Amino acid sequence: MNHEPGAEIHHTDPFAVPTGQRSPVRRLRGRLAAPVTLWTAPGPAGLTVSSTLVAEGEPDRLLGLIDPESDLWAAVEEAGRFAVAPLGPPHRQLADRFAGLFPAPGGLFATGAWIETPYGPVPTDAAGWAGCRLDTAREYGWGLLVEATIEAVDLAEEATPLLHYRGRYHELPA
């Protein structure tokens, strides 16, 4: 065993908050499986979002919680519109890039194939996308609750969703 400083690789996060000191609300949120979506806006700007909800009605609506200090929010606020694309298992690295967890040399949109829409760019291999018009946004907890009207929906072939559960990505069993 090498006892030199920095010679040992941790198998757990050395900076993690001990289990007994973690927020029960955060732990509850972690136990709720959530779809992984990519929100984009003209500019372009984008953000991985796992708190997206679609409400059918007249009109159809979309809600989500996003980071109020994100580049995405600034672009959505300026454009008044944005796109939401559900991601699948092949998009893990893309999701991490737009979440700020993976390097993005050349910018977030520098790699991958994109379809330009009036609402923002969407990955060509996404399961589809929704074009949304911003209705309102307000502080909600530590996030920003965004409410929008769905103006366009373009669905591709049925695809397996990428889920976020307990801090990790998962996919539905076949």
N, C-alpha and C. Protein backbone atom coordinates (compact mmCIF):
# COMPACT_ATOMS: atom_id res chain seq x y z
N MET A 1 0.85 -1.18 0.00
CA MET A 1 0.00 0.00 0.00
C MET A 1 0.89 1.24 0.00
N ASN A 2 0.56 2.19 -0.85
CA ASN A 2 1.33 3.42 -0.97
C ASN A 2 0.77 4.45 0.00
N HIS A 3 1.57 4.95 0.91
CA HIS A 3 1.10 5.91 1.91
C HIS A 3 1.48 7.34 1.56
N GLU A 4 1.89 7.57 0.31
CA GLU A 4 2.21 8.92 -0.14
C GLU A 4 0.91 9.73 -0.22
N PRO A 5 0.97 11.04 0.10
CA PRO A 5 -0.23 11.88 -0.03
C PRO A 5 -0.76 11.85 -1.47
N GLY A 6 -2.04 11.69 -1.60
CA GLY A 6 -2.70 11.68 -2.91
C GLY A 6 -2.57 10.36 -3.66
N ALA A 7 -1.96 9.36 -3.05
CA ALA A 7 -1.74 8.09 -3.74
C ALA A 7 -2.92 7.13 -3.60
N GLU A 8 -3.87 7.46 -2.77
CA GLU A 8 -5.00 6.57 -2.54
C GLU A 8 -6.25 7.12 -3.20
N ILE A 9 -6.98 6.25 -3.90
CA ILE A 9 -8.23 6.66 -4.53
C ILE A 9 -9.37 6.31 -3.60
N HIS A 10 -10.24 7.30 -3.35
CA HIS A 10 -11.39 7.08 -2.47
C HIS A 10 -12.48 6.34 -3.21
N HIS A 11 -13.12 5.42 -2.54
CA HIS A 11 -14.25 4.71 -3.13
C HIS A 11 -15.56 5.37 -2.77
N THR A 12 -15.50 6.37 -1.91
CA THR A 12 -16.66 7.17 -1.57
C THR A 12 -16.27 8.64 -1.67
N ASP A 13 -17.24 9.52 -1.65
CA ASP A 13 -16.97 10.95 -1.72
C ASP A 13 -16.42 11.43 -0.38
N PRO A 14 -15.16 11.85 -0.33
CA PRO A 14 -14.58 12.27 0.95
C PRO A 14 -15.21 13.56 1.49
N PHE A 15 -15.94 14.28 0.65
CA PHE A 15 -16.56 15.54 1.06
C PHE A 15 -18.05 15.40 1.35
N ALA A 16 -18.58 14.19 1.22
CA ALA A 16 -20.02 13.97 1.42
C ALA A 16 -20.41 14.24 2.88
N VAL A 17 -21.61 14.79 3.04
CA VAL A 17 -22.15 15.03 4.37
C VAL A 17 -22.52 13.67 4.97
N PRO A 18 -22.12 13.40 6.20
CA PRO A 18 -22.47 12.10 6.81
C PRO A 18 -23.98 11.89 6.80
N THR A 19 -24.40 10.65 6.63
CA THR A 19 -25.82 10.30 6.48
C THR A 19 -26.69 10.93 7.55
N GLY A 20 -26.32 10.85 8.80
CA GLY A 20 -27.13 11.39 9.89
C GLY A 20 -27.30 12.90 9.87
N GLN A 21 -26.45 13.60 9.10
CA GLN A 21 -26.51 15.06 9.04
C GLN A 21 -27.16 15.58 7.75
N ARG A 22 -27.56 14.68 6.86
CA ARG A 22 -28.16 15.09 5.59
C ARG A 22 -29.60 15.56 5.80
N SER A 23 -30.01 16.49 4.98
CA SER A 23 -31.37 17.02 5.04
C SER A 23 -32.37 15.92 4.71
N PRO A 24 -33.38 15.71 5.56
CA PRO A 24 -34.40 14.68 5.25
C PRO A 24 -35.18 15.02 3.98
N VAL A 25 -35.37 16.30 3.70
CA VAL A 25 -36.10 16.69 2.49
C VAL A 25 -35.27 16.34 1.25
N ARG A 26 -33.97 16.61 1.31
CA ARG A 26 -33.10 16.25 0.19
C ARG A 26 -33.08 14.74 -0.01
N ARG A 27 -33.05 13.99 1.08
CA ARG A 27 -33.06 12.53 0.99
C ARG A 27 -34.38 12.04 0.40
N LEU A 28 -35.50 12.68 0.76
CA LEU A 28 -36.80 12.32 0.19
C LEU A 28 -36.80 12.60 -1.31
N ARG A 29 -36.31 13.79 -1.71
CA ARG A 29 -36.25 14.13 -3.13
C ARG A 29 -35.43 13.10 -3.89
N GLY A 30 -34.35 12.63 -3.30
CA GLY A 30 -33.50 11.63 -3.93
C GLY A 30 -34.18 10.30 -4.13
N ARG A 31 -35.23 10.04 -3.38
CA ARG A 31 -35.96 8.77 -3.50
C ARG A 31 -37.10 8.82 -4.50
N LEU A 32 -37.27 9.97 -5.13
CA LEU A 32 -38.29 10.12 -6.17
C LEU A 32 -37.61 10.07 -7.53
N ALA A 33 -37.88 9.03 -8.29
CA ALA A 33 -37.30 8.94 -9.64
C ALA A 33 -37.84 10.08 -10.49
N ALA A 34 -36.97 10.69 -11.28
CA ALA A 34 -37.37 11.84 -12.09
C ALA A 34 -36.83 11.69 -13.51
N PRO A 35 -37.60 12.18 -14.49
CA PRO A 35 -37.10 12.14 -15.87
C PRO A 35 -35.96 13.13 -16.03
N VAL A 36 -35.01 12.80 -16.87
CA VAL A 36 -33.92 13.72 -17.18
C VAL A 36 -34.27 14.40 -18.49
N THR A 37 -34.37 15.72 -18.45
CA THR A 37 -34.72 16.50 -19.64
C THR A 37 -33.64 17.54 -19.89
N LEU A 38 -33.58 17.99 -21.13
CA LEU A 38 -32.69 19.08 -21.50
C LEU A 38 -33.54 20.26 -21.90
N TRP A 39 -33.37 21.38 -21.20
CA TRP A 39 -34.06 22.62 -21.55
C TRP A 39 -33.06 23.49 -22.28
N THR A 40 -33.47 24.05 -23.43
CA THR A 40 -32.61 24.95 -24.19
C THR A 40 -33.40 26.18 -24.58
N ALA A 41 -32.67 27.23 -24.90
CA ALA A 41 -33.30 28.48 -25.32
C ALA A 41 -32.43 29.12 -26.40
N PRO A 42 -33.02 30.01 -27.20
CA PRO A 42 -32.22 30.73 -28.19
C PRO A 42 -31.07 31.45 -27.49
N GLY A 43 -29.96 31.50 -28.16
CA GLY A 43 -28.79 32.14 -27.57
C GLY A 43 -27.49 31.52 -28.04
N PRO A 44 -27.30 30.22 -28.01
CA PRO A 44 -28.13 29.26 -27.28
C PRO A 44 -27.65 29.09 -25.84
N ALA A 45 -28.53 28.58 -25.01
CA ALA A 45 -28.21 28.23 -23.63
C ALA A 45 -28.97 26.96 -23.31
N GLY A 46 -28.49 26.20 -22.32
CA GLY A 46 -29.16 24.97 -21.97
C GLY A 46 -28.85 24.53 -20.55
N LEU A 47 -29.69 23.64 -20.03
CA LEU A 47 -29.54 23.14 -18.67
C LEU A 47 -30.23 21.79 -18.55
N THR A 48 -29.59 20.85 -17.87
CA THR A 48 -30.23 19.57 -17.56
C THR A 48 -31.20 19.81 -16.41
N VAL A 49 -32.43 19.34 -16.56
CA VAL A 49 -33.48 19.57 -15.56
C VAL A 49 -34.17 18.24 -15.26
N SER A 50 -34.25 17.90 -13.98
CA SER A 50 -34.94 16.65 -13.60
C SER A 50 -36.21 16.93 -12.81
N SER A 51 -36.69 18.15 -12.89
CA SER A 51 -37.95 18.49 -12.22
C SER A 51 -38.89 19.11 -13.24
N THR A 52 -39.34 18.29 -14.18
CA THR A 52 -40.21 18.73 -15.26
C THR A 52 -41.54 18.01 -15.14
N LEU A 53 -42.63 18.76 -15.29
CA LEU A 53 -43.97 18.20 -15.19
C LEU A 53 -44.82 18.73 -16.33
N VAL A 54 -45.54 17.86 -16.99
CA VAL A 54 -46.43 18.25 -18.08
C VAL A 54 -47.87 18.11 -17.59
N ALA A 55 -48.66 19.15 -17.82
CA ALA A 55 -50.07 19.15 -17.41
C ALA A 55 -50.94 19.36 -18.65
N GLU A 56 -51.74 18.34 -18.97
CA GLU A 56 -52.65 18.46 -20.10
C GLU A 56 -53.79 19.40 -19.74
N GLY A 57 -54.31 20.11 -20.72
CA GLY A 57 -55.43 21.02 -20.49
C GLY A 57 -55.62 21.93 -21.68
N GLU A 58 -56.40 22.94 -21.47
CA GLU A 58 -56.65 23.96 -22.49
C GLU A 58 -56.19 25.29 -21.95
N PRO A 59 -54.95 25.68 -22.13
CA PRO A 59 -53.90 25.08 -22.95
C PRO A 59 -53.09 24.04 -22.17
N ASP A 60 -52.29 23.26 -22.91
CA ASP A 60 -51.37 22.33 -22.28
C ASP A 60 -50.23 23.14 -21.66
N ARG A 61 -49.76 22.68 -20.51
CA ARG A 61 -48.76 23.47 -19.76
C ARG A 61 -47.57 22.61 -19.39
N LEU A 62 -46.47 23.28 -19.06
CA LEU A 62 -45.26 22.63 -18.59
C LEU A 62 -44.73 23.44 -17.41
N LEU A 63 -44.30 22.72 -16.38
CA LEU A 63 -43.72 23.36 -15.20
C LEU A 63 -42.36 22.73 -14.93
N GLY A 64 -41.50 23.50 -14.31
CA GLY A 64 -40.20 22.95 -13.94
C GLY A 64 -39.50 23.85 -12.94
N LEU A 65 -38.58 23.26 -12.20
CA LEU A 65 -37.74 24.01 -11.27
C LEU A 65 -36.35 24.10 -11.86
N ILE A 66 -35.85 25.32 -12.00
CA ILE A 66 -34.52 25.51 -12.56
C ILE A 66 -33.71 26.44 -11.66
N ASP A 67 -32.42 26.52 -11.93
CA ASP A 67 -31.51 27.39 -11.20
C ASP A 67 -31.72 28.83 -11.68
N PRO A 68 -32.12 29.74 -10.78
CA PRO A 68 -32.37 31.12 -11.20
C PRO A 68 -31.11 31.86 -11.65
N GLU A 69 -29.93 31.33 -11.31
CA GLU A 69 -28.68 31.98 -11.71
C GLU A 69 -28.06 31.33 -12.94
N SER A 70 -28.78 30.41 -13.58
CA SER A 70 -28.24 29.71 -14.75
C SER A 70 -28.28 30.60 -15.99
N ASP A 71 -27.38 30.28 -16.92
CA ASP A 71 -27.39 30.95 -18.23
C ASP A 71 -28.70 30.66 -18.94
N LEU A 72 -29.26 29.47 -18.71
CA LEU A 72 -30.54 29.13 -19.34
C LEU A 72 -31.61 30.13 -18.94
N TRP A 73 -31.74 30.42 -17.65
CA TRP A 73 -32.79 31.32 -17.21
C TRP A 73 -32.65 32.69 -17.85
N ALA A 74 -31.43 33.20 -17.94
CA ALA A 74 -31.22 34.51 -18.58
C ALA A 74 -31.70 34.47 -20.04
N ALA A 75 -31.40 33.37 -20.75
CA ALA A 75 -31.81 33.25 -22.15
C ALA A 75 -33.33 33.09 -22.28
N VAL A 76 -33.94 32.30 -21.39
CA VAL A 76 -35.40 32.11 -21.43
C VAL A 76 -36.10 33.42 -21.14
N GLU A 77 -35.61 34.12 -20.14
CA GLU A 77 -36.22 35.40 -19.77
C GLU A 77 -36.15 36.40 -20.92
N GLU A 78 -35.03 36.41 -21.65
CA GLU A 78 -34.87 37.32 -22.77
C GLU A 78 -35.72 36.91 -23.97
N ALA A 79 -35.71 35.61 -24.31
CA ALA A 79 -36.42 35.12 -25.50
C ALA A 79 -37.92 34.92 -25.26
N GLY A 80 -38.29 34.59 -24.02
CA GLY A 80 -39.69 34.31 -23.72
C GLY A 80 -40.14 32.94 -24.19
N ARG A 81 -39.19 32.10 -24.58
CA ARG A 81 -39.53 30.77 -25.07
C ARG A 81 -38.35 29.83 -24.84
N PHE A 82 -38.64 28.51 -24.86
CA PHE A 82 -37.61 27.51 -24.67
C PHE A 82 -38.10 26.16 -25.16
N ALA A 83 -37.16 25.23 -25.34
CA ALA A 83 -37.47 23.87 -25.76
C ALA A 83 -37.14 22.90 -24.64
N VAL A 84 -37.90 21.82 -24.55
CA VAL A 84 -37.66 20.78 -23.55
C VAL A 84 -37.62 19.44 -24.29
N ALA A 85 -36.51 18.71 -24.12
CA ALA A 85 -36.35 17.41 -24.76
C ALA A 85 -36.09 16.34 -23.72
N PRO A 86 -36.89 15.26 -23.72
CA PRO A 86 -36.59 14.14 -22.81
C PRO A 86 -35.34 13.42 -23.30
N LEU A 87 -34.46 13.06 -22.37
CA LEU A 87 -33.22 12.38 -22.72
C LEU A 87 -33.33 10.89 -22.44
N GLY A 88 -32.50 10.11 -23.14
CA GLY A 88 -32.47 8.67 -22.97
C GLY A 88 -31.10 8.21 -22.49
N PRO A 89 -30.95 6.90 -22.24
CA PRO A 89 -29.68 6.36 -21.75
C PRO A 89 -28.44 6.77 -22.56
N PRO A 90 -28.51 6.91 -23.89
CA PRO A 90 -27.30 7.34 -24.61
C PRO A 90 -26.88 8.78 -24.31
N HIS A 91 -27.73 9.53 -23.62
CA HIS A 91 -27.46 10.95 -23.36
C HIS A 91 -26.84 11.23 -22.00
N ARG A 92 -26.33 10.24 -21.31
CA ARG A 92 -25.76 10.46 -19.98
C ARG A 92 -24.68 11.55 -19.98
N GLN A 93 -23.75 11.47 -20.92
CA GLN A 93 -22.67 12.45 -20.97
C GLN A 93 -23.20 13.83 -21.32
N LEU A 94 -24.16 13.89 -22.23
CA LEU A 94 -24.80 15.15 -22.59
C LEU A 94 -25.48 15.76 -21.37
N ALA A 95 -26.20 14.95 -20.61
CA ALA A 95 -26.88 15.43 -19.40
C ALA A 95 -25.86 15.98 -18.41
N ASP A 96 -24.75 15.26 -18.22
CA ASP A 96 -23.71 15.74 -17.30
C ASP A 96 -23.08 17.04 -17.80
N ARG A 97 -22.88 17.15 -19.10
CA ARG A 97 -22.29 18.38 -19.66
C ARG A 97 -23.18 19.58 -19.38
N PHE A 98 -24.48 19.43 -19.62
CA PHE A 98 -25.39 20.56 -19.41
C PHE A 98 -25.70 20.80 -17.93
N ALA A 99 -25.37 19.84 -17.08
CA ALA A 99 -25.52 20.01 -15.63
C ALA A 99 -24.25 20.63 -15.03
N GLY A 100 -23.22 20.81 -15.85
CA GLY A 100 -21.97 21.37 -15.35
C GLY A 100 -21.09 20.36 -14.66
N LEU A 101 -21.34 19.07 -14.89
CA LEU A 101 -20.58 18.00 -14.23
C LEU A 101 -19.53 17.37 -15.14
N PHE A 102 -19.53 17.77 -16.42
CA PHE A 102 -18.61 17.20 -17.40
C PHE A 102 -18.06 18.35 -18.23
N PRO A 103 -16.77 18.33 -18.58
CA PRO A 103 -16.19 19.43 -19.35
C PRO A 103 -16.91 19.65 -20.68
N ALA A 104 -16.94 20.90 -21.12
CA ALA A 104 -17.57 21.25 -22.39
C ALA A 104 -16.63 22.15 -23.20
N PRO A 105 -15.47 21.60 -23.64
CA PRO A 105 -14.55 22.42 -24.43
C PRO A 105 -15.25 22.94 -25.68
N GLY A 106 -15.13 24.22 -25.93
CA GLY A 106 -15.78 24.83 -27.08
C GLY A 106 -17.22 25.22 -26.84
N GLY A 107 -17.75 24.91 -25.66
CA GLY A 107 -19.12 25.29 -25.32
C GLY A 107 -20.05 24.09 -25.25
N LEU A 108 -21.19 24.30 -24.64
CA LEU A 108 -22.16 23.22 -24.42
C LEU A 108 -22.66 22.58 -25.71
N PHE A 109 -22.79 23.37 -26.76
CA PHE A 109 -23.38 22.87 -28.01
C PHE A 109 -22.33 22.50 -29.05
N ALA A 110 -21.04 22.46 -28.66
CA ALA A 110 -19.96 22.22 -29.62
C ALA A 110 -19.93 20.79 -30.15
N THR A 111 -20.43 19.83 -29.39
CA THR A 111 -20.43 18.44 -29.86
C THR A 111 -21.86 17.94 -29.97
N GLY A 112 -22.03 16.90 -30.76
CA GLY A 112 -23.36 16.33 -30.97
C GLY A 112 -24.05 16.99 -32.14
N ALA A 113 -25.13 16.38 -32.58
CA ALA A 113 -25.92 16.91 -33.69
C ALA A 113 -27.17 17.57 -33.12
N TRP A 114 -27.49 18.75 -33.64
CA TRP A 114 -28.58 19.57 -33.11
C TRP A 114 -29.56 19.96 -34.20
N ILE A 115 -30.82 20.04 -33.83
CA ILE A 115 -31.86 20.58 -34.70
C ILE A 115 -32.15 21.99 -34.18
N GLU A 116 -32.08 22.96 -35.06
CA GLU A 116 -32.41 24.33 -34.67
C GLU A 116 -33.93 24.50 -34.72
N THR A 117 -34.51 24.95 -33.62
CA THR A 117 -35.95 25.22 -33.58
C THR A 117 -36.12 26.67 -33.13
N PRO A 118 -37.29 27.26 -33.33
CA PRO A 118 -37.52 28.63 -32.85
C PRO A 118 -37.44 28.74 -31.32
N TYR A 119 -37.50 27.60 -30.63
CA TYR A 119 -37.52 27.59 -29.17
C TYR A 119 -36.14 27.35 -28.57
N GLY A 120 -35.21 26.84 -29.37
CA GLY A 120 -33.87 26.51 -28.91
C GLY A 120 -33.43 25.23 -29.59
N PRO A 121 -32.13 24.96 -29.61
CA PRO A 121 -31.64 23.73 -30.25
C PRO A 121 -32.01 22.49 -29.46
N VAL A 122 -32.27 21.39 -30.17
CA VAL A 122 -32.56 20.12 -29.50
C VAL A 122 -31.70 19.02 -30.14
N PRO A 123 -31.29 18.03 -29.35
CA PRO A 123 -30.49 16.93 -29.92
C PRO A 123 -31.28 16.20 -31.00
N THR A 124 -30.62 15.89 -32.10
CA THR A 124 -31.31 15.21 -33.21
C THR A 124 -31.81 13.83 -32.81
N ASP A 125 -31.16 13.20 -31.82
CA ASP A 125 -31.55 11.85 -31.44
C ASP A 125 -32.41 11.82 -30.17
N ALA A 126 -32.98 12.95 -29.79
CA ALA A 126 -33.88 12.98 -28.62
C ALA A 126 -35.20 12.29 -28.98
N ALA A 127 -35.94 11.88 -27.97
CA ALA A 127 -37.22 11.20 -28.17
C ALA A 127 -38.31 12.16 -28.63
N GLY A 128 -37.95 13.40 -28.81
CA GLY A 128 -38.88 14.43 -29.22
C GLY A 128 -38.58 15.70 -28.45
N TRP A 129 -39.43 16.68 -28.60
CA TRP A 129 -39.25 17.92 -27.88
C TRP A 129 -40.56 18.70 -27.84
N ALA A 130 -40.62 19.61 -26.88
CA ALA A 130 -41.77 20.52 -26.76
C ALA A 130 -41.25 21.94 -26.85
N GLY A 131 -41.95 22.77 -27.61
CA GLY A 131 -41.65 24.19 -27.69
C GLY A 131 -42.58 24.92 -26.74
N CYS A 132 -42.01 25.70 -25.83
CA CYS A 132 -42.80 26.32 -24.76
C CYS A 132 -42.67 27.84 -24.78
N ARG A 133 -43.78 28.52 -24.47
CA ARG A 133 -43.79 29.96 -24.28
C ARG A 133 -43.82 30.24 -22.79
N LEU A 134 -42.89 31.04 -22.31
CA LEU A 134 -42.82 31.39 -20.89
C LEU A 134 -44.05 32.18 -20.47
N ASP A 135 -44.71 31.72 -19.43
CA ASP A 135 -45.86 32.44 -18.88
C ASP A 135 -45.44 33.24 -17.64
N THR A 136 -44.81 32.56 -16.71
CA THR A 136 -44.40 33.22 -15.47
C THR A 136 -43.32 32.40 -14.79
N ALA A 137 -42.64 33.03 -13.85
CA ALA A 137 -41.64 32.33 -13.04
C ALA A 137 -41.59 33.03 -11.69
N ARG A 138 -41.34 32.24 -10.65
CA ARG A 138 -41.25 32.81 -9.32
C ARG A 138 -40.33 31.95 -8.46
N GLU A 139 -39.75 32.57 -7.45
CA GLU A 139 -38.89 31.83 -6.54
C GLU A 139 -39.72 30.76 -5.86
N TYR A 140 -39.15 29.58 -5.75
CA TYR A 140 -39.84 28.46 -5.12
C TYR A 140 -38.77 27.63 -4.44
N GLY A 141 -38.70 27.68 -3.13
CA GLY A 141 -37.59 27.05 -2.43
C GLY A 141 -36.32 27.74 -2.87
N TRP A 142 -35.29 26.95 -3.19
CA TRP A 142 -34.03 27.52 -3.67
C TRP A 142 -34.00 27.62 -5.18
N GLY A 143 -35.08 27.22 -5.83
CA GLY A 143 -35.12 27.24 -7.29
C GLY A 143 -36.08 28.29 -7.81
N LEU A 144 -36.30 28.22 -9.10
CA LEU A 144 -37.23 29.11 -9.78
C LEU A 144 -38.28 28.22 -10.43
N LEU A 145 -39.54 28.40 -10.06
CA LEU A 145 -40.64 27.64 -10.64
C LEU A 145 -41.03 28.32 -11.95
N VAL A 146 -40.82 27.64 -13.05
CA VAL A 146 -41.11 28.17 -14.37
C VAL A 146 -42.42 27.54 -14.85
N GLU A 147 -43.35 28.38 -15.29
CA GLU A 147 -44.62 27.93 -15.84
C GLU A 147 -44.69 28.38 -17.29
N ALA A 148 -45.07 27.46 -18.17
CA ALA A 148 -45.08 27.77 -19.60
C ALA A 148 -46.25 27.09 -20.29
N THR A 149 -46.60 27.63 -21.44
CA THR A 149 -47.60 27.03 -22.30
C THR A 149 -46.88 26.26 -23.40
N ILE A 150 -47.31 25.03 -23.63
CA ILE A 150 -46.72 24.21 -24.69
C ILE A 150 -47.36 24.64 -26.01
N GLU A 151 -46.52 25.13 -26.92
CA GLU A 151 -47.02 25.60 -28.21
C GLU A 151 -46.76 24.61 -29.35
N ALA A 152 -45.76 23.74 -29.19
CA ALA A 152 -45.42 22.78 -30.25
C ALA A 152 -44.91 21.50 -29.61
N VAL A 153 -45.23 20.38 -30.21
CA VAL A 153 -44.70 19.09 -29.77
C VAL A 153 -44.28 18.31 -31.02
N ASP A 154 -43.06 17.79 -30.98
CA ASP A 154 -42.54 16.99 -32.08
C ASP A 154 -42.00 15.71 -31.46
N LEU A 155 -42.69 14.59 -31.68
CA LEU A 155 -42.29 13.32 -31.08
C LEU A 155 -41.58 12.43 -32.08
N ALA A 156 -40.51 11.80 -31.64
CA ALA A 156 -39.79 10.81 -32.44
C ALA A 156 -40.31 9.43 -32.04
N GLU A 157 -39.62 8.39 -32.50
CA GLU A 157 -40.01 7.04 -32.10
C GLU A 157 -39.91 6.91 -30.58
N GLU A 158 -40.72 6.03 -30.04
CA GLU A 158 -40.70 5.75 -28.60
C GLU A 158 -39.28 5.37 -28.20
N ALA A 159 -38.81 5.93 -27.09
CA ALA A 159 -37.45 5.66 -26.63
C ALA A 159 -37.45 5.44 -25.13
N THR A 160 -36.46 4.70 -24.65
CA THR A 160 -36.31 4.46 -23.22
C THR A 160 -35.88 5.75 -22.54
N PRO A 161 -36.55 6.15 -21.45
CA PRO A 161 -36.16 7.39 -20.78
C PRO A 161 -34.94 7.20 -19.88
N LEU A 162 -34.22 8.28 -19.70
CA LEU A 162 -33.15 8.34 -18.72
C LEU A 162 -33.76 8.90 -17.44
N LEU A 163 -33.54 8.22 -16.32
CA LEU A 163 -34.11 8.64 -15.04
C LEU A 163 -33.00 9.04 -14.07
N HIS A 164 -33.33 9.94 -13.18
CA HIS A 164 -32.41 10.33 -12.12
C HIS A 164 -33.01 9.85 -10.80
N TYR A 165 -32.22 9.05 -10.08
CA TYR A 165 -32.71 8.48 -8.83
C TYR A 165 -31.53 8.32 -7.88
N ARG A 166 -31.67 8.88 -6.67
CA ARG A 166 -30.65 8.79 -5.63
C ARG A 166 -29.28 9.23 -6.12
N GLY A 167 -29.27 10.33 -6.90
CA GLY A 167 -28.02 10.93 -7.33
C GLY A 167 -27.35 10.27 -8.52
N ARG A 168 -28.02 9.31 -9.15
CA ARG A 168 -27.42 8.60 -10.28
C ARG A 168 -28.44 8.44 -11.40
N TYR A 169 -27.92 8.20 -12.60
CA TYR A 169 -28.79 7.90 -13.73
C TYR A 169 -29.17 6.43 -13.72
N HIS A 170 -30.40 6.18 -14.16
CA HIS A 170 -30.92 4.82 -14.27
C HIS A 170 -31.76 4.74 -15.53
N GLU A 171 -31.99 3.52 -15.98
CA GLU A 171 -32.91 3.30 -17.09
C GLU A 171 -33.87 2.20 -16.71
N LEU A 172 -35.02 2.22 -17.36
CA LEU A 172 -36.01 1.19 -17.08
C LEU A 172 -35.52 -0.15 -17.59
N PRO A 173 -35.79 -1.24 -16.87
CA PRO A 173 -35.39 -2.55 -17.37
C PRO A 173 -36.18 -2.90 -18.64
N ALA A 174 -35.52 -3.62 -19.53
CA ALA A 174 -36.17 -3.98 -20.82
C ALA A 174 -37.29 -4.97 -20.62
